[in-house]
Amino acid sequence: MELLLNRTSPYARIARVVALEKGCADKLVLVWSDPWNEDAKLLQHNPVRRVPVLVTDDGHSITESLLIALYLDQVGTGDTLLPPARYAEILQLTGWAQGLIDAAFTTMITRKHHGKEIDDSVLGQRRRQAIERTLPALNTAYTASLPSSDSVTLADIVIAVALDYISFRLPEVEWQGKYPALSALRTRMLQRDSFSSTVFS
């Protein structure tokens, strides 16, 4: 399998962490790609020109990080990232965390192309409000579902990537001291090789 990715995409990091957690690393060739240029290989496998893309051994191109995660969860080894007893709960937390990433990523991209003043636009304010609402909602929900073991779920991965991405790209969002459950999750995830070896750079 091949994973088309870059080092600063939170979506690509989700796919890479999942691959490591599911024991797929030795079966995976990392193909570093540039979605902002005419990357021929990336365009071949994803006309949307976005990373990550997982190219399976039989030549199918799976795009979107959560779809890649679902595929790797099925073909990989070890415990499932979506245990049936917590299925709906994990999907809820994962969806909120994905929305948090979307708001942070779009904030960074629009700033890059239009300047920081774009934050004052209607859409910029909407993104900021999404971040401000989602962090406490995740903290409250996660407090009620703290893991009873060292197992990792898809929600753990996506939330932790979202928090790391905000610290990386939007350091003015000072979440660390406000949300103890989220801080504890990030600390726990940083102790795992899958997370510590894929830091943004």
N, C-alpha and C. Protein backbone atom coordinates (compact mmCIF):
# COMPACT_ATOMS: atom_id res chain seq x y z
N MET A 1 0.84 -1.19 0.00
CA MET A 1 0.00 0.00 0.00
C MET A 1 0.88 1.24 0.00
N GLU A 2 0.32 2.31 -0.54
CA GLU A 2 0.99 3.61 -0.52
C GLU A 2 0.09 4.61 0.20
N LEU A 3 0.72 5.51 0.97
CA LEU A 3 -0.01 6.60 1.61
C LEU A 3 0.57 7.90 1.12
N LEU A 4 -0.22 8.65 0.35
CA LEU A 4 0.20 9.97 -0.12
C LEU A 4 -0.15 10.97 0.96
N LEU A 5 0.84 11.76 1.37
CA LEU A 5 0.64 12.64 2.52
C LEU A 5 1.66 13.76 2.53
N ASN A 6 1.47 14.72 3.44
CA ASN A 6 2.53 15.67 3.75
C ASN A 6 2.64 15.82 5.26
N ARG A 7 3.64 16.55 5.70
CA ARG A 7 3.98 16.55 7.13
C ARG A 7 3.15 17.53 7.95
N THR A 8 2.42 18.42 7.33
CA THR A 8 1.68 19.42 8.10
C THR A 8 0.17 19.24 8.02
N SER A 9 -0.30 18.25 7.31
CA SER A 9 -1.73 18.03 7.19
C SER A 9 -2.24 17.24 8.40
N PRO A 10 -3.21 17.78 9.15
CA PRO A 10 -3.78 17.01 10.26
C PRO A 10 -4.52 15.77 9.77
N TYR A 11 -5.10 15.88 8.58
CA TYR A 11 -5.83 14.74 8.01
C TYR A 11 -4.86 13.60 7.68
N ALA A 12 -3.73 13.95 7.11
CA ALA A 12 -2.72 12.94 6.79
C ALA A 12 -2.16 12.32 8.07
N ARG A 13 -2.02 13.13 9.11
CA ARG A 13 -1.49 12.57 10.36
C ARG A 13 -2.46 11.56 10.96
N ILE A 14 -3.75 11.82 10.88
CA ILE A 14 -4.73 10.84 11.36
C ILE A 14 -4.50 9.50 10.68
N ALA A 15 -4.38 9.52 9.36
CA ALA A 15 -4.19 8.28 8.60
C ALA A 15 -2.91 7.58 9.00
N ARG A 16 -1.86 8.34 9.20
CA ARG A 16 -0.56 7.75 9.54
C ARG A 16 -0.59 7.15 10.94
N VAL A 17 -1.20 7.85 11.90
CA VAL A 17 -1.30 7.32 13.26
C VAL A 17 -2.12 6.03 13.27
N VAL A 18 -3.22 6.03 12.54
CA VAL A 18 -4.05 4.83 12.47
C VAL A 18 -3.26 3.67 11.88
N ALA A 19 -2.52 3.94 10.81
CA ALA A 19 -1.72 2.88 10.18
C ALA A 19 -0.73 2.29 11.17
N LEU A 20 -0.10 3.13 11.97
CA LEU A 20 0.86 2.64 12.96
C LEU A 20 0.16 1.85 14.06
N GLU A 21 -0.97 2.35 14.52
CA GLU A 21 -1.70 1.67 15.59
C GLU A 21 -2.22 0.30 15.13
N LYS A 22 -2.54 0.19 13.86
CA LYS A 22 -3.12 -1.05 13.34
C LYS A 22 -2.07 -1.99 12.75
N GLY A 23 -0.80 -1.71 12.99
CA GLY A 23 0.25 -2.62 12.56
C GLY A 23 0.47 -2.66 11.06
N CYS A 24 0.14 -1.57 10.38
CA CYS A 24 0.27 -1.55 8.91
C CYS A 24 1.52 -0.83 8.44
N ALA A 25 2.34 -0.34 9.35
CA ALA A 25 3.47 0.50 8.96
C ALA A 25 4.43 -0.22 8.02
N ASP A 26 4.68 -1.51 8.29
CA ASP A 26 5.65 -2.23 7.45
C ASP A 26 5.07 -2.59 6.09
N LYS A 27 3.78 -2.39 5.90
CA LYS A 27 3.14 -2.66 4.61
C LYS A 27 2.89 -1.38 3.82
N LEU A 28 3.32 -0.26 4.39
CA LEU A 28 2.94 1.04 3.86
C LEU A 28 4.17 1.78 3.34
N VAL A 29 4.07 2.27 2.11
CA VAL A 29 5.09 3.14 1.55
C VAL A 29 4.58 4.58 1.65
N LEU A 30 5.34 5.44 2.33
CA LEU A 30 4.94 6.84 2.46
C LEU A 30 5.40 7.61 1.23
N VAL A 31 4.47 8.29 0.58
CA VAL A 31 4.77 9.08 -0.61
C VAL A 31 4.49 10.54 -0.27
N TRP A 32 5.55 11.31 -0.07
CA TRP A 32 5.39 12.70 0.32
C TRP A 32 4.91 13.51 -0.87
N SER A 33 3.82 14.23 -0.69
CA SER A 33 3.12 14.88 -1.80
C SER A 33 2.87 16.35 -1.48
N ASP A 34 2.74 17.15 -2.52
CA ASP A 34 2.48 18.58 -2.36
C ASP A 34 1.13 18.93 -2.98
N PRO A 35 0.08 19.06 -2.15
CA PRO A 35 -1.24 19.34 -2.70
C PRO A 35 -1.40 20.75 -3.25
N TRP A 36 -0.40 21.60 -3.05
CA TRP A 36 -0.50 22.99 -3.53
C TRP A 36 0.20 23.18 -4.87
N ASN A 37 0.76 22.12 -5.40
CA ASN A 37 1.38 22.18 -6.73
C ASN A 37 0.78 21.09 -7.61
N GLU A 38 1.18 21.09 -8.88
CA GLU A 38 0.66 20.08 -9.81
C GLU A 38 1.39 18.76 -9.59
N ASP A 39 1.07 18.13 -8.49
CA ASP A 39 1.67 16.85 -8.14
C ASP A 39 0.98 15.76 -8.96
N ALA A 40 1.68 15.26 -9.97
CA ALA A 40 1.06 14.34 -10.93
C ALA A 40 0.53 13.07 -10.25
N LYS A 41 1.30 12.51 -9.34
CA LYS A 41 0.88 11.27 -8.70
C LYS A 41 -0.35 11.50 -7.83
N LEU A 42 -0.35 12.61 -7.11
CA LEU A 42 -1.51 12.93 -6.27
C LEU A 42 -2.75 13.13 -7.13
N LEU A 43 -2.62 13.85 -8.23
CA LEU A 43 -3.76 14.07 -9.13
C LEU A 43 -4.26 12.76 -9.74
N GLN A 44 -3.34 11.86 -9.98
CA GLN A 44 -3.72 10.56 -10.55
C GLN A 44 -4.65 9.80 -9.59
N HIS A 45 -4.38 9.94 -8.30
CA HIS A 45 -5.13 9.16 -7.32
C HIS A 45 -6.24 9.94 -6.63
N ASN A 46 -6.21 11.26 -6.73
CA ASN A 46 -7.28 12.07 -6.15
C ASN A 46 -7.45 13.35 -6.95
N PRO A 47 -8.49 13.42 -7.79
CA PRO A 47 -8.70 14.61 -8.61
C PRO A 47 -8.99 15.86 -7.79
N VAL A 48 -9.37 15.67 -6.52
CA VAL A 48 -9.59 16.82 -5.64
C VAL A 48 -8.27 17.45 -5.22
N ARG A 49 -7.17 16.71 -5.42
CA ARG A 49 -5.81 17.17 -5.11
C ARG A 49 -5.67 17.49 -3.62
N ARG A 50 -6.00 16.49 -2.83
CA ARG A 50 -5.94 16.66 -1.38
C ARG A 50 -5.35 15.40 -0.76
N VAL A 51 -4.55 15.58 0.28
CA VAL A 51 -4.01 14.46 1.04
C VAL A 51 -4.84 14.29 2.31
N PRO A 52 -4.85 13.06 2.84
CA PRO A 52 -4.13 11.87 2.42
C PRO A 52 -4.91 11.07 1.38
N VAL A 53 -4.17 10.19 0.72
CA VAL A 53 -4.77 9.18 -0.16
C VAL A 53 -4.09 7.86 0.15
N LEU A 54 -4.88 6.84 0.39
CA LEU A 54 -4.35 5.49 0.57
C LEU A 54 -4.59 4.71 -0.71
N VAL A 55 -3.51 4.25 -1.34
CA VAL A 55 -3.61 3.43 -2.54
C VAL A 55 -3.45 1.98 -2.10
N THR A 56 -4.50 1.20 -2.24
CA THR A 56 -4.48 -0.18 -1.78
C THR A 56 -3.65 -1.06 -2.72
N ASP A 57 -3.37 -2.27 -2.27
CA ASP A 57 -2.57 -3.18 -3.08
C ASP A 57 -3.24 -3.54 -4.40
N ASP A 58 -4.56 -3.46 -4.44
CA ASP A 58 -5.26 -3.76 -5.69
C ASP A 58 -5.59 -2.50 -6.49
N GLY A 59 -4.97 -1.38 -6.10
CA GLY A 59 -5.04 -0.18 -6.93
C GLY A 59 -6.17 0.78 -6.66
N HIS A 60 -6.96 0.55 -5.62
CA HIS A 60 -8.03 1.50 -5.30
C HIS A 60 -7.46 2.67 -4.49
N SER A 61 -7.97 3.86 -4.79
CA SER A 61 -7.52 5.07 -4.11
C SER A 61 -8.60 5.50 -3.11
N ILE A 62 -8.27 5.41 -1.84
CA ILE A 62 -9.21 5.80 -0.79
C ILE A 62 -8.79 7.17 -0.27
N THR A 63 -9.69 8.13 -0.38
CA THR A 63 -9.42 9.48 0.08
C THR A 63 -10.22 9.76 1.36
N GLU A 64 -9.90 10.87 2.01
CA GLU A 64 -10.53 11.32 3.26
C GLU A 64 -10.04 10.48 4.43
N SER A 65 -9.52 11.16 5.42
CA SER A 65 -8.82 10.49 6.52
C SER A 65 -9.69 9.49 7.27
N LEU A 66 -10.95 9.81 7.51
CA LEU A 66 -11.79 8.91 8.29
C LEU A 66 -12.14 7.65 7.50
N LEU A 67 -12.28 7.77 6.19
CA LEU A 67 -12.52 6.58 5.36
C LEU A 67 -11.28 5.69 5.33
N ILE A 68 -10.13 6.32 5.27
CA ILE A 68 -8.87 5.56 5.33
C ILE A 68 -8.77 4.85 6.68
N ALA A 69 -9.14 5.55 7.74
CA ALA A 69 -9.10 4.95 9.08
C ALA A 69 -10.00 3.73 9.17
N LEU A 70 -11.19 3.83 8.60
CA LEU A 70 -12.12 2.69 8.62
C LEU A 70 -11.53 1.50 7.87
N TYR A 71 -10.91 1.77 6.73
CA TYR A 71 -10.31 0.69 5.94
C TYR A 71 -9.17 0.03 6.71
N LEU A 72 -8.28 0.83 7.26
CA LEU A 72 -7.14 0.27 7.99
C LEU A 72 -7.58 -0.47 9.24
N ASP A 73 -8.65 0.00 9.84
CA ASP A 73 -9.17 -0.69 11.03
C ASP A 73 -9.64 -2.10 10.67
N GLN A 74 -10.11 -2.27 9.44
CA GLN A 74 -10.58 -3.58 8.99
C GLN A 74 -9.44 -4.50 8.57
N VAL A 75 -8.44 -3.95 7.88
CA VAL A 75 -7.39 -4.81 7.32
C VAL A 75 -6.19 -4.95 8.26
N GLY A 76 -6.10 -4.08 9.27
CA GLY A 76 -4.98 -4.13 10.18
C GLY A 76 -5.14 -5.16 11.28
N THR A 77 -4.21 -5.14 12.20
CA THR A 77 -4.22 -6.11 13.30
C THR A 77 -4.56 -5.40 14.61
N GLY A 78 -4.74 -6.19 15.66
CA GLY A 78 -5.00 -5.63 16.98
C GLY A 78 -6.45 -5.27 17.19
N ASP A 79 -6.70 -4.62 18.33
CA ASP A 79 -8.07 -4.25 18.70
C ASP A 79 -8.65 -3.25 17.72
N THR A 80 -9.95 -3.33 17.53
CA THR A 80 -10.63 -2.36 16.67
C THR A 80 -10.59 -0.97 17.29
N LEU A 81 -10.52 0.03 16.45
CA LEU A 81 -10.57 1.42 16.91
C LEU A 81 -12.01 1.88 17.15
N LEU A 82 -12.96 1.03 16.78
CA LEU A 82 -14.38 1.34 16.94
C LEU A 82 -15.08 0.17 17.65
N PRO A 83 -14.79 -0.01 18.94
CA PRO A 83 -15.41 -1.13 19.66
C PRO A 83 -16.93 -1.02 19.64
N PRO A 84 -17.61 -2.11 19.32
CA PRO A 84 -19.07 -2.07 19.16
C PRO A 84 -19.82 -1.50 20.36
N ALA A 85 -19.34 -1.75 21.56
CA ALA A 85 -20.05 -1.29 22.75
C ALA A 85 -20.07 0.24 22.87
N ARG A 86 -19.13 0.90 22.19
CA ARG A 86 -19.05 2.37 22.28
C ARG A 86 -19.15 3.01 20.89
N TYR A 87 -19.71 2.30 19.95
CA TYR A 87 -19.67 2.71 18.55
C TYR A 87 -20.24 4.12 18.33
N ALA A 88 -21.48 4.36 18.78
CA ALA A 88 -22.11 5.66 18.55
C ALA A 88 -21.37 6.77 19.28
N GLU A 89 -20.94 6.47 20.50
CA GLU A 89 -20.21 7.46 21.30
C GLU A 89 -18.91 7.87 20.61
N ILE A 90 -18.18 6.88 20.10
CA ILE A 90 -16.91 7.18 19.43
C ILE A 90 -17.13 7.97 18.15
N LEU A 91 -18.18 7.62 17.41
CA LEU A 91 -18.49 8.38 16.20
C LEU A 91 -18.85 9.82 16.53
N GLN A 92 -19.58 10.03 17.62
CA GLN A 92 -19.92 11.40 18.01
C GLN A 92 -18.66 12.21 18.30
N LEU A 93 -17.79 11.66 19.15
CA LEU A 93 -16.57 12.37 19.51
C LEU A 93 -15.67 12.59 18.30
N THR A 94 -15.58 11.59 17.44
CA THR A 94 -14.76 11.70 16.23
C THR A 94 -15.30 12.80 15.32
N GLY A 95 -16.61 12.85 15.15
CA GLY A 95 -17.21 13.87 14.30
C GLY A 95 -16.95 15.28 14.81
N TRP A 96 -17.09 15.46 16.13
CA TRP A 96 -16.82 16.78 16.70
C TRP A 96 -15.35 17.16 16.51
N ALA A 97 -14.45 16.20 16.75
CA ALA A 97 -13.03 16.48 16.60
C ALA A 97 -12.66 16.77 15.15
N GLN A 98 -13.30 16.07 14.22
CA GLN A 98 -13.05 16.35 12.80
C GLN A 98 -13.52 17.76 12.45
N GLY A 99 -14.66 18.17 12.99
CA GLY A 99 -15.13 19.53 12.78
C GLY A 99 -14.18 20.56 13.35
N LEU A 100 -13.57 20.24 14.49
CA LEU A 100 -12.57 21.13 15.09
C LEU A 100 -11.36 21.28 14.18
N ILE A 101 -10.91 20.17 13.62
CA ILE A 101 -9.80 20.23 12.67
C ILE A 101 -10.19 21.06 11.45
N ASP A 102 -11.39 20.85 10.93
CA ASP A 102 -11.84 21.60 9.75
C ASP A 102 -11.79 23.10 10.02
N ALA A 103 -12.29 23.52 11.19
CA ALA A 103 -12.32 24.95 11.53
C ALA A 103 -10.91 25.51 11.66
N ALA A 104 -10.02 24.76 12.32
CA ALA A 104 -8.65 25.24 12.51
C ALA A 104 -7.89 25.25 11.19
N PHE A 105 -8.04 24.20 10.39
CA PHE A 105 -7.32 24.12 9.12
C PHE A 105 -7.78 25.22 8.16
N THR A 106 -9.08 25.44 8.08
CA THR A 106 -9.58 26.47 7.17
C THR A 106 -9.17 27.85 7.64
N THR A 107 -9.12 28.07 8.95
CA THR A 107 -8.62 29.34 9.49
C THR A 107 -7.19 29.59 9.03
N MET A 108 -6.35 28.58 9.14
CA MET A 108 -4.95 28.73 8.75
C MET A 108 -4.82 28.98 7.25
N ILE A 109 -5.56 28.24 6.44
CA ILE A 109 -5.46 28.38 4.99
C ILE A 109 -5.96 29.74 4.52
N THR A 110 -7.08 30.20 5.06
CA THR A 110 -7.60 31.51 4.64
C THR A 110 -6.68 32.63 5.09
N ARG A 111 -6.06 32.50 6.24
CA ARG A 111 -5.08 33.49 6.67
C ARG A 111 -3.90 33.53 5.70
N LYS A 112 -3.46 32.36 5.28
CA LYS A 112 -2.31 32.27 4.38
C LYS A 112 -2.58 33.00 3.07
N HIS A 113 -3.80 32.92 2.57
CA HIS A 113 -4.10 33.49 1.26
C HIS A 113 -4.74 34.88 1.31
N HIS A 114 -5.33 35.24 2.45
CA HIS A 114 -6.06 36.51 2.52
C HIS A 114 -5.64 37.38 3.69
N GLY A 115 -4.70 36.94 4.50
CA GLY A 115 -4.26 37.71 5.65
C GLY A 115 -5.12 37.46 6.88
N LYS A 116 -4.58 37.80 8.04
CA LYS A 116 -5.26 37.50 9.30
C LYS A 116 -6.56 38.29 9.45
N GLU A 117 -6.68 39.38 8.70
CA GLU A 117 -7.92 40.17 8.80
C GLU A 117 -9.14 39.39 8.35
N ILE A 118 -8.92 38.30 7.62
CA ILE A 118 -10.04 37.48 7.19
C ILE A 118 -10.77 36.87 8.38
N ASP A 119 -10.10 36.82 9.54
CA ASP A 119 -10.74 36.28 10.74
C ASP A 119 -11.96 37.11 11.15
N ASP A 120 -12.00 38.38 10.73
CA ASP A 120 -13.11 39.26 11.11
C ASP A 120 -14.31 39.12 10.18
N SER A 121 -14.17 38.36 9.11
CA SER A 121 -15.30 38.14 8.20
C SER A 121 -16.35 37.27 8.88
N VAL A 122 -17.51 37.20 8.25
CA VAL A 122 -18.59 36.37 8.80
C VAL A 122 -18.14 34.92 8.94
N LEU A 123 -17.48 34.40 7.90
CA LEU A 123 -17.04 33.01 7.94
C LEU A 123 -15.89 32.83 8.92
N GLY A 124 -15.02 33.84 9.02
CA GLY A 124 -13.92 33.76 9.98
C GLY A 124 -14.43 33.70 11.41
N GLN A 125 -15.43 34.53 11.71
CA GLN A 125 -16.02 34.51 13.05
C GLN A 125 -16.73 33.19 13.31
N ARG A 126 -17.36 32.64 12.30
CA ARG A 126 -18.03 31.36 12.45
C ARG A 126 -17.03 30.25 12.79
N ARG A 127 -15.87 30.27 12.13
CA ARG A 127 -14.85 29.28 12.42
C ARG A 127 -14.32 29.44 13.85
N ARG A 128 -14.08 30.68 14.26
CA ARG A 128 -13.59 30.92 15.62
C ARG A 128 -14.60 30.44 16.65
N GLN A 129 -15.87 30.73 16.41
CA GLN A 129 -16.91 30.30 17.33
C GLN A 129 -17.01 28.77 17.38
N ALA A 130 -16.80 28.14 16.24
CA ALA A 130 -16.83 26.67 16.20
C ALA A 130 -15.73 26.09 17.09
N ILE A 131 -14.54 26.67 17.03
CA ILE A 131 -13.44 26.22 17.87
C ILE A 131 -13.76 26.46 19.34
N GLU A 132 -14.28 27.66 19.65
CA GLU A 132 -14.57 28.02 21.04
C GLU A 132 -15.67 27.15 21.64
N ARG A 133 -16.60 26.70 20.84
CA ARG A 133 -17.68 25.86 21.35
C ARG A 133 -17.28 24.39 21.42
N THR A 134 -16.48 23.95 20.45
CA THR A 134 -16.19 22.53 20.35
C THR A 134 -15.21 22.06 21.42
N LEU A 135 -14.24 22.88 21.78
CA LEU A 135 -13.27 22.48 22.80
C LEU A 135 -13.95 22.13 24.13
N PRO A 136 -14.80 23.00 24.69
CA PRO A 136 -15.45 22.62 25.95
C PRO A 136 -16.43 21.47 25.80
N ALA A 137 -17.08 21.38 24.64
CA ALA A 137 -18.00 20.26 24.42
C ALA A 137 -17.25 18.94 24.41
N LEU A 138 -16.11 18.92 23.75
CA LEU A 138 -15.29 17.70 23.74
C LEU A 138 -14.76 17.38 25.13
N ASN A 139 -14.34 18.41 25.85
CA ASN A 139 -13.81 18.17 27.19
C ASN A 139 -14.87 17.56 28.10
N THR A 140 -16.08 18.09 28.04
CA THR A 140 -17.17 17.56 28.86
C THR A 140 -17.51 16.13 28.46
N ALA A 141 -17.65 15.90 27.16
CA ALA A 141 -18.01 14.56 26.69
C ALA A 141 -16.90 13.57 26.98
N TYR A 142 -15.66 13.99 26.83
CA TYR A 142 -14.55 13.08 27.04
C TYR A 142 -14.37 12.76 28.52
N THR A 143 -14.67 13.72 29.39
CA THR A 143 -14.61 13.48 30.83
C THR A 143 -15.53 12.33 31.22
N ALA A 144 -16.66 12.25 30.55
CA ALA A 144 -17.65 11.21 30.87
C ALA A 144 -17.31 9.87 30.25
N SER A 145 -16.27 9.81 29.41
CA SER A 145 -15.96 8.55 28.72
C SER A 145 -14.47 8.23 28.76
N LEU A 146 -13.84 8.59 29.88
CA LEU A 146 -12.41 8.31 29.99
C LEU A 146 -12.15 6.81 29.87
N PRO A 147 -11.09 6.44 29.16
CA PRO A 147 -10.83 5.01 28.92
C PRO A 147 -10.50 4.27 30.21
N SER A 148 -10.95 3.05 30.29
CA SER A 148 -10.66 2.22 31.46
C SER A 148 -9.43 1.35 31.23
N SER A 149 -8.85 1.44 30.06
CA SER A 149 -7.66 0.65 29.75
C SER A 149 -6.74 1.48 28.86
N ASP A 150 -5.67 0.86 28.42
CA ASP A 150 -4.70 1.56 27.58
C ASP A 150 -5.07 1.49 26.10
N SER A 151 -6.23 0.96 25.81
CA SER A 151 -6.65 0.85 24.42
C SER A 151 -6.91 2.23 23.82
N VAL A 152 -6.85 2.30 22.51
CA VAL A 152 -7.02 3.56 21.79
C VAL A 152 -8.18 3.43 20.82
N THR A 153 -9.00 4.46 20.74
CA THR A 153 -10.10 4.48 19.79
C THR A 153 -9.83 5.52 18.71
N LEU A 154 -10.65 5.48 17.68
CA LEU A 154 -10.53 6.49 16.62
C LEU A 154 -10.76 7.88 17.18
N ALA A 155 -11.67 8.01 18.13
CA ALA A 155 -11.92 9.32 18.74
C ALA A 155 -10.68 9.85 19.45
N ASP A 156 -9.98 8.98 20.20
CA ASP A 156 -8.75 9.40 20.88
C ASP A 156 -7.76 9.98 19.87
N ILE A 157 -7.60 9.30 18.76
CA ILE A 157 -6.63 9.72 17.75
C ILE A 157 -7.02 11.06 17.13
N VAL A 158 -8.27 11.19 16.71
CA VAL A 158 -8.67 12.41 16.00
C VAL A 158 -8.70 13.61 16.95
N ILE A 159 -9.15 13.41 18.19
CA ILE A 159 -9.13 14.51 19.16
C ILE A 159 -7.70 14.97 19.41
N ALA A 160 -6.80 14.02 19.65
CA ALA A 160 -5.42 14.37 19.96
C ALA A 160 -4.75 15.07 18.78
N VAL A 161 -5.01 14.62 17.56
CA VAL A 161 -4.46 15.30 16.38
C VAL A 161 -5.02 16.72 16.28
N ALA A 162 -6.30 16.89 16.55
CA ALA A 162 -6.91 18.22 16.51
C ALA A 162 -6.24 19.16 17.50
N LEU A 163 -6.02 18.68 18.72
CA LEU A 163 -5.39 19.51 19.75
C LEU A 163 -3.95 19.86 19.36
N ASP A 164 -3.21 18.89 18.85
CA ASP A 164 -1.83 19.14 18.44
C ASP A 164 -1.79 20.13 17.27
N TYR A 165 -2.75 20.01 16.37
CA TYR A 165 -2.76 20.91 15.21
C TYR A 165 -3.07 22.35 15.65
N ILE A 166 -3.99 22.51 16.58
CA ILE A 166 -4.29 23.85 17.09
C ILE A 166 -3.06 24.45 17.76
N SER A 167 -2.35 23.65 18.56
CA SER A 167 -1.13 24.14 19.20
C SER A 167 -0.07 24.51 18.16
N PHE A 168 -0.03 23.77 17.07
CA PHE A 168 0.96 23.98 16.00
C PHE A 168 0.65 25.21 15.16
N ARG A 169 -0.60 25.37 14.77
CA ARG A 169 -0.98 26.42 13.83
C ARG A 169 -1.68 27.62 14.45
N LEU A 170 -2.40 27.41 15.56
CA LEU A 170 -3.15 28.50 16.19
C LEU A 170 -2.78 28.58 17.67
N PRO A 171 -1.54 28.90 17.98
CA PRO A 171 -1.11 28.91 19.39
C PRO A 171 -1.84 29.91 20.25
N GLU A 172 -2.50 30.89 19.62
CA GLU A 172 -3.26 31.86 20.41
C GLU A 172 -4.49 31.25 21.06
N VAL A 173 -4.88 30.08 20.58
CA VAL A 173 -5.99 29.36 21.22
C VAL A 173 -5.40 28.59 22.40
N GLU A 174 -5.49 29.15 23.57
CA GLU A 174 -4.83 28.58 24.75
C GLU A 174 -5.77 27.58 25.43
N TRP A 175 -5.80 26.38 24.90
CA TRP A 175 -6.72 25.36 25.40
C TRP A 175 -6.14 24.52 26.54
N GLN A 176 -4.79 24.46 26.63
CA GLN A 176 -4.15 23.48 27.51
C GLN A 176 -4.55 23.61 28.98
N GLY A 177 -4.64 24.81 29.49
CA GLY A 177 -4.95 24.98 30.90
C GLY A 177 -6.43 25.01 31.22
N LYS A 178 -7.26 24.98 30.18
CA LYS A 178 -8.70 25.13 30.40
C LYS A 178 -9.45 23.81 30.41
N TYR A 179 -8.91 22.81 29.74
CA TYR A 179 -9.66 21.58 29.51
C TYR A 179 -8.85 20.38 29.97
N PRO A 180 -8.97 20.02 31.25
CA PRO A 180 -8.10 18.98 31.82
C PRO A 180 -8.24 17.61 31.17
N ALA A 181 -9.46 17.24 30.78
CA ALA A 181 -9.63 15.92 30.15
C ALA A 181 -8.90 15.86 28.81
N LEU A 182 -8.96 16.96 28.05
CA LEU A 182 -8.27 16.99 26.75
C LEU A 182 -6.76 17.02 26.94
N SER A 183 -6.29 17.76 27.94
CA SER A 183 -4.85 17.79 28.22
C SER A 183 -4.36 16.40 28.61
N ALA A 184 -5.15 15.69 29.42
CA ALA A 184 -4.76 14.34 29.84
C ALA A 184 -4.71 13.39 28.65
N LEU A 185 -5.66 13.54 27.73
CA LEU A 185 -5.66 12.70 26.53
C LEU A 185 -4.42 12.96 25.70
N ARG A 186 -4.10 14.22 25.47
CA ARG A 186 -2.93 14.54 24.65
C ARG A 186 -1.65 14.00 25.28
N THR A 187 -1.54 14.13 26.60
CA THR A 187 -0.38 13.60 27.30
C THR A 187 -0.29 12.09 27.13
N ARG A 188 -1.42 11.41 27.26
CA ARG A 188 -1.45 9.95 27.11
C ARG A 188 -1.06 9.54 25.69
N MET A 189 -1.57 10.26 24.70
CA MET A 189 -1.28 9.91 23.31
C MET A 189 0.19 10.17 22.95
N LEU A 190 0.78 11.22 23.53
CA LEU A 190 2.18 11.52 23.24
C LEU A 190 3.12 10.43 23.74
N GLN A 191 2.64 9.58 24.63
CA GLN A 191 3.45 8.48 25.12
C GLN A 191 3.44 7.28 24.16
N ARG A 192 2.62 7.36 23.13
CA ARG A 192 2.53 6.26 22.16
C ARG A 192 3.44 6.57 20.97
N ASP A 193 4.12 5.57 20.49
CA ASP A 193 5.04 5.76 19.36
C ASP A 193 4.31 6.30 18.14
N SER A 194 3.08 5.86 17.92
CA SER A 194 2.34 6.29 16.75
C SER A 194 2.13 7.79 16.72
N PHE A 195 2.05 8.38 17.88
CA PHE A 195 1.78 9.82 17.97
C PHE A 195 3.08 10.62 18.06
N SER A 196 3.99 10.15 18.91
CA SER A 196 5.25 10.91 19.10
C SER A 196 6.12 10.88 17.84
N SER A 197 5.96 9.87 17.01
CA SER A 197 6.79 9.76 15.80
C SER A 197 6.20 10.47 14.59
N THR A 198 5.03 11.09 14.77
CA THR A 198 4.37 11.74 13.62
C THR A 198 4.10 13.21 13.90
N VAL A 199 4.89 13.83 14.76
CA VAL A 199 4.65 15.22 15.13
C VAL A 199 4.71 16.12 13.90
N PHE A 200 3.96 17.21 13.94
CA PHE A 200 3.96 18.16 12.83
C PHE A 200 5.33 18.81 12.72
N SER A 201 5.75 19.03 11.46
CA SER A 201 7.05 19.67 11.24
C SER A 201 7.02 20.46 9.93
